[in-house]
Amino acid sequence: MTDQEFDILDELYFLTGFEELKEGCGLKNEELVPALWKMIKKEWVNCFKNYDQEFQATQSEFETNFADYHYLASKKGLMAHNAR
């Protein structure tokens, strides 16, 4: 797990919107978006269309709508985060 991934997961213990996540991590879109997608593919992060609707975004959906989604660390992500 990279330091960047650790910092992102650190912000996702609770359901978090993209702008709040970006501010909490101190990352720019160019850094956060690819890292977040990579973590979704690793099943470390779950993606939500709204507060109660988890879904599996395709890469094109994600790249288009990432700022509209909310994110939450998955059990797998929390285990990786806490094992570090």
PDB file of N, CA and C in Angstrom:
ATOM      1  N   MET A   1       0.846  -1.177   0.000  1.00  0.00           N
ATOM      2  CA  MET A   1       0.000   0.000   0.000  1.00  0.00           C
ATOM      3  C   MET A   1       0.889   1.237   0.000  1.00  0.00           C
ATOM      4  N   THR A   2       0.585   2.129  -0.901  1.00  0.00           N
ATOM      5  CA  THR A   2       1.364   3.360  -0.992  1.00  0.00           C
ATOM      6  C   THR A   2       0.930   4.332   0.110  1.00  0.00           C
ATOM      7  N   ASP A   3       1.756   5.333   0.375  1.00  0.00           N
ATOM      8  CA  ASP A   3       1.394   6.367   1.342  1.00  0.00           C
ATOM      9  C   ASP A   3       0.122   7.087   0.902  1.00  0.00           C
ATOM     10  N   GLN A   4      -0.005   7.320  -0.388  1.00  0.00           N
ATOM     11  CA  GLN A   4      -1.178   7.999  -0.931  1.00  0.00           C
ATOM     12  C   GLN A   4      -2.446   7.167  -0.692  1.00  0.00           C
ATOM     13  N   GLU A   5      -2.376   5.874  -0.948  1.00  0.00           N
ATOM     14  CA  GLU A   5      -3.515   4.992  -0.706  1.00  0.00           C
ATOM     15  C   GLU A   5      -3.875   4.966   0.771  1.00  0.00           C
ATOM     16  N   PHE A   6      -2.871   4.936   1.625  1.00  0.00           N
ATOM     17  CA  PHE A   6      -3.099   4.954   3.071  1.00  0.00           C
ATOM     18  C   PHE A   6      -3.841   6.226   3.479  1.00  0.00           C
ATOM     19  N   ASP A   7      -3.390   7.358   2.963  1.00  0.00           N
ATOM     20  CA  ASP A   7      -4.022   8.638   3.294  1.00  0.00           C
ATOM     21  C   ASP A   7      -5.465   8.698   2.801  1.00  0.00           C
ATOM     22  N   ILE A   8      -5.725   8.165   1.627  1.00  0.00           N
ATOM     23  CA  ILE A   8      -7.088   8.156   1.090  1.00  0.00           C
ATOM     24  C   ILE A   8      -7.991   7.282   1.964  1.00  0.00           C
ATOM     25  N   LEU A   9      -7.541   6.075   2.275  1.00  0.00           N
ATOM     26  CA  LEU A   9      -8.342   5.190   3.118  1.00  0.00           C
ATOM     27  C   LEU A   9      -8.570   5.791   4.500  1.00  0.00           C
ATOM     28  N   ASP A  10      -7.614   6.539   4.979  1.00  0.00           N
ATOM     29  CA  ASP A  10      -7.730   7.188   6.283  1.00  0.00           C
ATOM     30  C   ASP A  10      -8.928   8.140   6.318  1.00  0.00           C
ATOM     31  N   GLU A  11      -9.303   8.675   5.169  1.00  0.00           N
ATOM     32  CA  GLU A  11     -10.430   9.613   5.064  1.00  0.00           C
ATOM     33  C   GLU A  11     -11.761   8.906   4.813  1.00  0.00           C
ATOM     34  N   LEU A  12     -11.721   7.594   4.584  1.00  0.00           N
ATOM     35  CA  LEU A  12     -12.930   6.904   4.127  1.00  0.00           C
ATOM     36  C   LEU A  12     -13.507   5.923   5.144  1.00  0.00           C
ATOM     37  N   TYR A  13     -13.312   6.187   6.409  1.00  0.00           N
ATOM     38  CA  TYR A  13     -13.947   5.358   7.436  1.00  0.00           C
ATOM     39  C   TYR A  13     -15.449   5.610   7.478  1.00  0.00           C
ATOM     40  N   PHE A  14     -15.864   6.763   6.980  1.00  0.00           N
ATOM     41  CA  PHE A  14     -17.273   7.113   6.875  1.00  0.00           C
ATOM     42  C   PHE A  14     -17.546   7.543   5.437  1.00  0.00           C
ATOM     43  N   LEU A  15     -18.775   7.399   5.010  1.00  0.00           N
ATOM     44  CA  LEU A  15     -19.161   7.788   3.661  1.00  0.00           C
ATOM     45  C   LEU A  15     -18.796   9.247   3.415  1.00  0.00           C
ATOM     46  N   THR A  16     -18.038   9.491   2.350  1.00  0.00           N
ATOM     47  CA  THR A  16     -17.459  10.811   2.098  1.00  0.00           C
ATOM     48  C   THR A  16     -17.647  11.198   0.641  1.00  0.00           C
ATOM     49  N   GLY A  17     -18.084  12.434   0.416  1.00  0.00           N
ATOM     50  CA  GLY A  17     -18.194  12.970  -0.933  1.00  0.00           C
ATOM     51  C   GLY A  17     -16.821  13.286  -1.502  1.00  0.00           C
ATOM     52  N   PHE A  18     -16.754  13.405  -2.823  1.00  0.00           N
ATOM     53  CA  PHE A  18     -15.474  13.602  -3.490  1.00  0.00           C
ATOM     54  C   PHE A  18     -14.760  14.871  -3.031  1.00  0.00           C
ATOM     55  N   GLU A  19     -15.457  15.997  -2.984  1.00  0.00           N
ATOM     56  CA  GLU A  19     -14.809  17.264  -2.606  1.00  0.00           C
ATOM     57  C   GLU A  19     -14.265  17.212  -1.187  1.00  0.00           C
ATOM     58  N   GLU A  20     -15.015  16.602  -0.283  1.00  0.00           N
ATOM     59  CA  GLU A  20     -14.550  16.455   1.099  1.00  0.00           C
ATOM     60  C   GLU A  20     -13.322  15.548   1.161  1.00  0.00           C
ATOM     61  N   LEU A  21     -13.344  14.483   0.372  1.00  0.00           N
ATOM     62  CA  LEU A  21     -12.202  13.566   0.309  1.00  0.00           C
ATOM     63  C   LEU A  21     -10.972  14.286  -0.232  1.00  0.00           C
ATOM     64  N   LYS A  22     -11.163  15.037  -1.293  1.00  0.00           N
ATOM     65  CA  LYS A  22     -10.050  15.775  -1.906  1.00  0.00           C
ATOM     66  C   LYS A  22      -9.439  16.753  -0.902  1.00  0.00           C
ATOM     67  N   GLU A  23     -10.280  17.454  -0.193  1.00  0.00           N
ATOM     68  CA  GLU A  23      -9.798  18.414   0.798  1.00  0.00           C
ATOM     69  C   GLU A  23      -9.082  17.708   1.948  1.00  0.00           C
ATOM     70  N   GLY A  24      -9.649  16.602   2.404  1.00  0.00           N
ATOM     71  CA  GLY A  24      -9.050  15.857   3.509  1.00  0.00           C
ATOM     72  C   GLY A  24      -7.699  15.263   3.170  1.00  0.00           C
ATOM     73  N   CYS A  25      -7.537  14.836   1.937  1.00  0.00           N
ATOM     74  CA  CYS A  25      -6.273  14.225   1.493  1.00  0.00           C
ATOM     75  C   CYS A  25      -5.251  15.262   1.052  1.00  0.00           C
ATOM     76  N   GLY A  26      -5.739  16.429   0.685  1.00  0.00           N
ATOM     77  CA  GLY A  26      -4.836  17.447   0.166  1.00  0.00           C
ATOM     78  C   GLY A  26      -4.283  17.108  -1.207  1.00  0.00           C
ATOM     79  N   LEU A  27      -5.055  16.370  -1.990  1.00  0.00           N
ATOM     80  CA  LEU A  27      -4.609  15.965  -3.329  1.00  0.00           C
ATOM     81  C   LEU A  27      -5.390  16.721  -4.394  1.00  0.00           C
ATOM     82  N   LYS A  28      -4.776  16.859  -5.551  1.00  0.00           N
ATOM     83  CA  LYS A  28      -5.444  17.450  -6.716  1.00  0.00           C
ATOM     84  C   LYS A  28      -6.179  16.346  -7.462  1.00  0.00           C
ATOM     85  N   ASN A  29      -7.135  16.733  -8.287  1.00  0.00           N
ATOM     86  CA  ASN A  29      -7.887  15.756  -9.082  1.00  0.00           C
ATOM     87  C   ASN A  29      -6.971  14.823  -9.857  1.00  0.00           C
ATOM     88  N   GLU A  30      -5.897  15.382 -10.433  1.00  0.00           N
ATOM     89  CA  GLU A  30      -4.985  14.589 -11.260  1.00  0.00           C
ATOM     90  C   GLU A  30      -4.319  13.464 -10.473  1.00  0.00           C
ATOM     91  N   GLU A  31      -4.206  13.623  -9.157  1.00  0.00           N
ATOM     92  CA  GLU A  31      -3.614  12.586  -8.310  1.00  0.00           C
ATOM     93  C   GLU A  31      -4.686  11.681  -7.713  1.00  0.00           C
ATOM     94  N   LEU A  32      -5.757  12.285  -7.255  1.00  0.00           N
ATOM     95  CA  LEU A  32      -6.777  11.542  -6.514  1.00  0.00           C
ATOM     96  C   LEU A  32      -7.603  10.626  -7.412  1.00  0.00           C
ATOM     97  N   VAL A  33      -8.025  11.099  -8.561  1.00  0.00           N
ATOM     98  CA  VAL A  33      -8.931  10.317  -9.405  1.00  0.00           C
ATOM     99  C   VAL A  33      -8.301   8.979  -9.831  1.00  0.00           C
ATOM    100  N   PRO A  34      -7.076   8.957 -10.373  1.00  0.00           N
ATOM    101  CA  PRO A  34      -6.505   7.650 -10.753  1.00  0.00           C
ATOM    102  C   PRO A  34      -6.256   6.746  -9.544  1.00  0.00           C
ATOM    103  N   ALA A  35      -5.837   7.324  -8.428  1.00  0.00           N
ATOM    104  CA  ALA A  35      -5.599   6.521  -7.226  1.00  0.00           C
ATOM    105  C   ALA A  35      -6.902   5.924  -6.711  1.00  0.00           C
ATOM    106  N   LEU A  36      -7.951   6.711  -6.718  1.00  0.00           N
ATOM    107  CA  LEU A  36      -9.250   6.243  -6.261  1.00  0.00           C
ATOM    108  C   LEU A  36      -9.769   5.124  -7.157  1.00  0.00           C
ATOM    109  N   TRP A  37      -9.626   5.279  -8.465  1.00  0.00           N
ATOM    110  CA  TRP A  37     -10.071   4.224  -9.386  1.00  0.00           C
ATOM    111  C   TRP A  37      -9.294   2.935  -9.140  1.00  0.00           C
ATOM    112  N   LYS A  38      -7.997   3.060  -8.937  1.00  0.00           N
ATOM    113  CA  LYS A  38      -7.157   1.883  -8.673  1.00  0.00           C
ATOM    114  C   LYS A  38      -7.625   1.172  -7.402  1.00  0.00           C
ATOM    115  N   MET A  39      -8.002   1.952  -6.394  1.00  0.00           N
ATOM    116  CA  MET A  39      -8.449   1.374  -5.130  1.00  0.00           C
ATOM    117  C   MET A  39      -9.839   0.753  -5.259  1.00  0.00           C
ATOM    118  N   ILE A  40     -10.664   1.295  -6.112  1.00  0.00           N
ATOM    119  CA  ILE A  40     -11.970   0.680  -6.389  1.00  0.00           C
ATOM    120  C   ILE A  40     -11.744  -0.672  -7.062  1.00  0.00           C
ATOM    121  N   LYS A  41     -10.826  -0.729  -8.008  1.00  0.00           N
ATOM    122  CA  LYS A  41     -10.528  -1.990  -8.711  1.00  0.00           C
ATOM    123  C   LYS A  41      -9.926  -3.026  -7.758  1.00  0.00           C
ATOM    124  N   LYS A  42      -9.181  -2.575  -6.740  1.00  0.00           N
ATOM    125  CA  LYS A  42      -8.619  -3.491  -5.734  1.00  0.00           C
ATOM    126  C   LYS A  42      -9.666  -3.928  -4.718  1.00  0.00           C
ATOM    127  N   GLU A  43     -10.870  -3.355  -4.821  1.00  0.00           N
ATOM    128  CA  GLU A  43     -11.971  -3.595  -3.891  1.00  0.00           C
ATOM    129  C   GLU A  43     -11.663  -3.065  -2.492  1.00  0.00           C
ATOM    130  N   TRP A  44     -10.875  -1.996  -2.423  1.00  0.00           N
ATOM    131  CA  TRP A  44     -10.576  -1.332  -1.158  1.00  0.00           C
ATOM    132  C   TRP A  44     -11.554  -0.203  -0.876  1.00  0.00           C
ATOM    133  N   VAL A  45     -12.227   0.268  -1.932  1.00  0.00           N
ATOM    134  CA  VAL A  45     -13.147   1.400  -1.807  1.00  0.00           C
ATOM    135  C   VAL A  45     -14.442   1.056  -2.531  1.00  0.00           C
ATOM    136  N   ASN A  46     -15.556   1.379  -1.888  1.00  0.00           N
ATOM    137  CA  ASN A  46     -16.875   1.226  -2.497  1.00  0.00           C
ATOM    138  C   ASN A  46     -17.360   2.592  -2.961  1.00  0.00           C
ATOM    139  N   CYS A  47     -18.116   2.587  -4.026  1.00  0.00           N
ATOM    140  CA  CYS A  47     -18.605   3.800  -4.662  1.00  0.00           C
ATOM    141  C   CYS A  47     -20.128   3.852  -4.514  1.00  0.00           C
ATOM    142  N   PHE A  48     -20.649   5.050  -4.220  1.00  0.00           N
ATOM    143  CA  PHE A  48     -22.077   5.236  -4.010  1.00  0.00           C
ATOM    144  C   PHE A  48     -22.582   6.361  -4.894  1.00  0.00           C
ATOM    145  N   LYS A  49     -23.733   6.129  -5.532  1.00  0.00           N
ATOM    146  CA  LYS A  49     -24.365   7.186  -6.324  1.00  0.00           C
ATOM    147  C   LYS A  49     -25.004   8.217  -5.403  1.00  0.00           C
ATOM    148  N   ASN A  50     -25.640   7.773  -4.348  1.00  0.00           N
ATOM    149  CA  ASN A  50     -26.109   8.655  -3.298  1.00  0.00           C
ATOM    150  C   ASN A  50     -25.806   7.950  -1.977  1.00  0.00           C
ATOM    151  N   TYR A  51     -26.313   8.452  -0.913  1.00  0.00           N
ATOM    152  CA  TYR A  51     -25.899   7.950   0.390  1.00  0.00           C
ATOM    153  C   TYR A  51     -26.251   6.492   0.649  1.00  0.00           C
ATOM    154  N   ASP A  52     -27.202   5.961  -0.064  1.00  0.00           N
ATOM    155  CA  ASP A  52     -27.635   4.600   0.227  1.00  0.00           C
ATOM    156  C   ASP A  52     -27.646   3.675  -0.990  1.00  0.00           C
ATOM    157  N   GLN A  53     -26.997   4.067  -2.058  1.00  0.00           N
ATOM    158  CA  GLN A  53     -27.037   3.263  -3.281  1.00  0.00           C
ATOM    159  C   GLN A  53     -25.629   2.947  -3.762  1.00  0.00           C
ATOM    160  N   GLU A  54     -25.068   1.855  -3.238  1.00  0.00           N
ATOM    161  CA  GLU A  54     -23.740   1.407  -3.683  1.00  0.00           C
ATOM    162  C   GLU A  54     -23.881   0.833  -5.088  1.00  0.00           C
ATOM    163  N   PHE A  55     -22.860   1.038  -5.915  1.00  0.00           N
ATOM    164  CA  PHE A  55     -22.898   0.468  -7.259  1.00  0.00           C
ATOM    165  C   PHE A  55     -21.487   0.254  -7.771  1.00  0.00           C
ATOM    166  N   GLN A  56     -21.404  -0.546  -8.821  1.00  0.00           N
ATOM    167  CA  GLN A  56     -20.137  -0.851  -9.471  1.00  0.00           C
ATOM    168  C   GLN A  56     -20.004   0.047 -10.702  1.00  0.00           C
ATOM    169  N   ALA A  57     -19.245   1.088 -10.585  1.00  0.00           N
ATOM    170  CA  ALA A  57     -19.050   2.017 -11.699  1.00  0.00           C
ATOM    171  C   ALA A  57     -18.113   1.404 -12.734  1.00  0.00           C
ATOM    172  N   THR A  58     -18.416   1.634 -13.994  1.00  0.00           N
ATOM    173  CA  THR A  58     -17.457   1.290 -15.038  1.00  0.00           C
ATOM    174  C   THR A  58     -16.403   2.400 -15.049  1.00  0.00           C
ATOM    175  N   GLN A  59     -15.293   2.156 -15.688  1.00  0.00           N
ATOM    176  CA  GLN A  59     -14.245   3.160 -15.732  1.00  0.00           C
ATOM    177  C   GLN A  59     -14.734   4.435 -16.423  1.00  0.00           C
ATOM    178  N   SER A  60     -15.497   4.298 -17.492  1.00  0.00           N
ATOM    179  CA  SER A  60     -15.981   5.493 -18.191  1.00  0.00           C
ATOM    180  C   SER A  60     -16.989   6.260 -17.336  1.00  0.00           C
ATOM    181  N   GLU A  61     -17.875   5.557 -16.619  1.00  0.00           N
ATOM    182  CA  GLU A  61     -18.797   6.225 -15.689  1.00  0.00           C
ATOM    183  C   GLU A  61     -18.027   6.977 -14.612  1.00  0.00           C
ATOM    184  N   PHE A  62     -17.044   6.294 -14.064  1.00  0.00           N
ATOM    185  CA  PHE A  62     -16.246   6.893 -12.998  1.00  0.00           C
ATOM    186  C   PHE A  62     -15.516   8.139 -13.488  1.00  0.00           C
ATOM    187  N   GLU A  63     -14.851   8.031 -14.626  1.00  0.00           N
ATOM    188  CA  GLU A  63     -14.086   9.159 -15.153  1.00  0.00           C
ATOM    189  C   GLU A  63     -14.976  10.358 -15.474  1.00  0.00           C
ATOM    190  N   THR A  64     -16.228  10.112 -15.802  1.00  0.00           N
ATOM    191  CA  THR A  64     -17.159  11.187 -16.130  1.00  0.00           C
ATOM    192  C   THR A  64     -17.809  11.789 -14.886  1.00  0.00           C
ATOM    193  N   ASN A  65     -18.137  10.935 -13.907  1.00  0.00           N
ATOM    194  CA  ASN A  65     -18.977  11.362 -12.783  1.00  0.00           C
ATOM    195  C   ASN A  65     -18.319  11.276 -11.410  1.00  0.00           C
ATOM    196  N   PHE A  66     -17.010  11.069 -11.324  1.00  0.00           N
ATOM    197  CA  PHE A  66     -16.348  10.847 -10.042  1.00  0.00           C
ATOM    198  C   PHE A  66     -16.682  11.900  -8.991  1.00  0.00           C
ATOM    199  N   ALA A  67     -16.856  13.142  -9.391  1.00  0.00           N
ATOM    200  CA  ALA A  67     -17.110  14.226  -8.430  1.00  0.00           C
ATOM    201  C   ALA A  67     -18.516  14.154  -7.852  1.00  0.00           C
ATOM    202  N   ASP A  68     -19.408  13.413  -8.487  1.00  0.00           N
ATOM    203  CA  ASP A  68     -20.787  13.293  -8.015  1.00  0.00           C
ATOM    204  C   ASP A  68     -20.988  12.133  -7.045  1.00  0.00           C
ATOM    205  N   TYR A  69     -19.995  11.278  -6.907  1.00  0.00           N
ATOM    206  CA  TYR A  69     -20.138  10.067  -6.105  1.00  0.00           C
ATOM    207  C   TYR A  69     -19.653  10.286  -4.674  1.00  0.00           C
ATOM    208  N   HIS A  70     -20.018   9.321  -3.832  1.00  0.00           N
ATOM    209  CA  HIS A  70     -19.522   9.253  -2.464  1.00  0.00           C
ATOM    210  C   HIS A  70     -18.718   7.961  -2.344  1.00  0.00           C
ATOM    211  N   TYR A  71     -17.805   7.932  -1.384  1.00  0.00           N
ATOM    212  CA  TYR A  71     -16.883   6.811  -1.262  1.00  0.00           C
ATOM    213  C   TYR A  71     -16.784   6.350   0.180  1.00  0.00           C
ATOM    214  N   LEU A  72     -16.513   5.048   0.339  1.00  0.00           N
ATOM    215  CA  LEU A  72     -16.392   4.443   1.653  1.00  0.00           C
ATOM    216  C   LEU A  72     -15.397   3.297   1.561  1.00  0.00           C
ATOM    217  N   ALA A  73     -14.508   3.211   2.533  1.00  0.00           N
ATOM    218  CA  ALA A  73     -13.563   2.096   2.558  1.00  0.00           C
ATOM    219  C   ALA A  73     -14.339   0.799   2.750  1.00  0.00           C
ATOM    220  N   SER A  74     -13.961  -0.217   2.018  1.00  0.00           N
ATOM    221  CA  SER A  74     -14.578  -1.537   2.167  1.00  0.00           C
ATOM    222  C   SER A  74     -13.903  -2.266   3.333  1.00  0.00           C
ATOM    223  N   LYS A  75     -14.470  -3.387   3.703  1.00  0.00           N
ATOM    224  CA  LYS A  75     -13.848  -4.198   4.754  1.00  0.00           C
ATOM    225  C   LYS A  75     -12.432  -4.592   4.339  1.00  0.00           C
ATOM    226  N   LYS A  76     -12.280  -4.981   3.084  1.00  0.00           N
ATOM    227  CA  LYS A  76     -10.967  -5.361   2.555  1.00  0.00           C
ATOM    228  C   LYS A  76      -9.992  -4.180   2.636  1.00  0.00           C
ATOM    229  N   GLY A  77     -10.481  -2.979   2.294  1.00  0.00           N
ATOM    230  CA  GLY A  77      -9.645  -1.790   2.382  1.00  0.00           C
ATOM    231  C   GLY A  77      -9.261  -1.446   3.808  1.00  0.00           C
ATOM    232  N   LEU A  78     -10.206  -1.566   4.727  1.00  0.00           N
ATOM    233  CA  LEU A  78      -9.918  -1.281   6.137  1.00  0.00           C
ATOM    234  C   LEU A  78      -8.910  -2.271   6.699  1.00  0.00           C
ATOM    235  N   MET A  79      -9.026  -3.536   6.300  1.00  0.00           N
ATOM    236  CA  MET A  79      -8.068  -4.536   6.758  1.00  0.00           C
ATOM    237  C   MET A  79      -6.662  -4.208   6.255  1.00  0.00           C
ATOM    238  N   ALA A  80      -6.553  -3.812   4.998  1.00  0.00           N
ATOM    239  CA  ALA A  80      -5.249  -3.448   4.433  1.00  0.00           C
ATOM    240  C   ALA A  80      -4.710  -2.198   5.139  1.00  0.00           C
ATOM    241  N   HIS A  81      -5.573  -1.237   5.390  1.00  0.00           N
ATOM    242  CA  HIS A  81      -5.180   0.019   6.048  1.00  0.00           C
ATOM    243  C   HIS A  81      -4.682  -0.244   7.467  1.00  0.00           C
ATOM    244  N   ASN A  82      -5.402  -1.069   8.198  1.00  0.00           N
ATOM    245  CA  ASN A  82      -5.043  -1.332   9.599  1.00  0.00           C
ATOM    246  C   ASN A  82      -3.867  -2.283   9.745  1.00  0.00           C
ATOM    247  N   ALA A  83      -3.566  -3.047   8.697  1.00  0.00           N
ATOM    248  CA  ALA A  83      -2.430  -3.979   8.747  1.00  0.00           C
ATOM    249  C   ALA A  83      -1.105  -3.283   8.533  1.00  0.00           C
ATOM    250  N   ARG A  84      -1.166  -2.053   8.060  1.00  0.00           N
ATOM    251  CA  ARG A  84       0.068  -1.332   7.756  1.00  0.00           C
ATOM    252  C   ARG A  84       0.708  -0.804   9.003  1.00  0.00           C
TER     253      ARG A  84
END
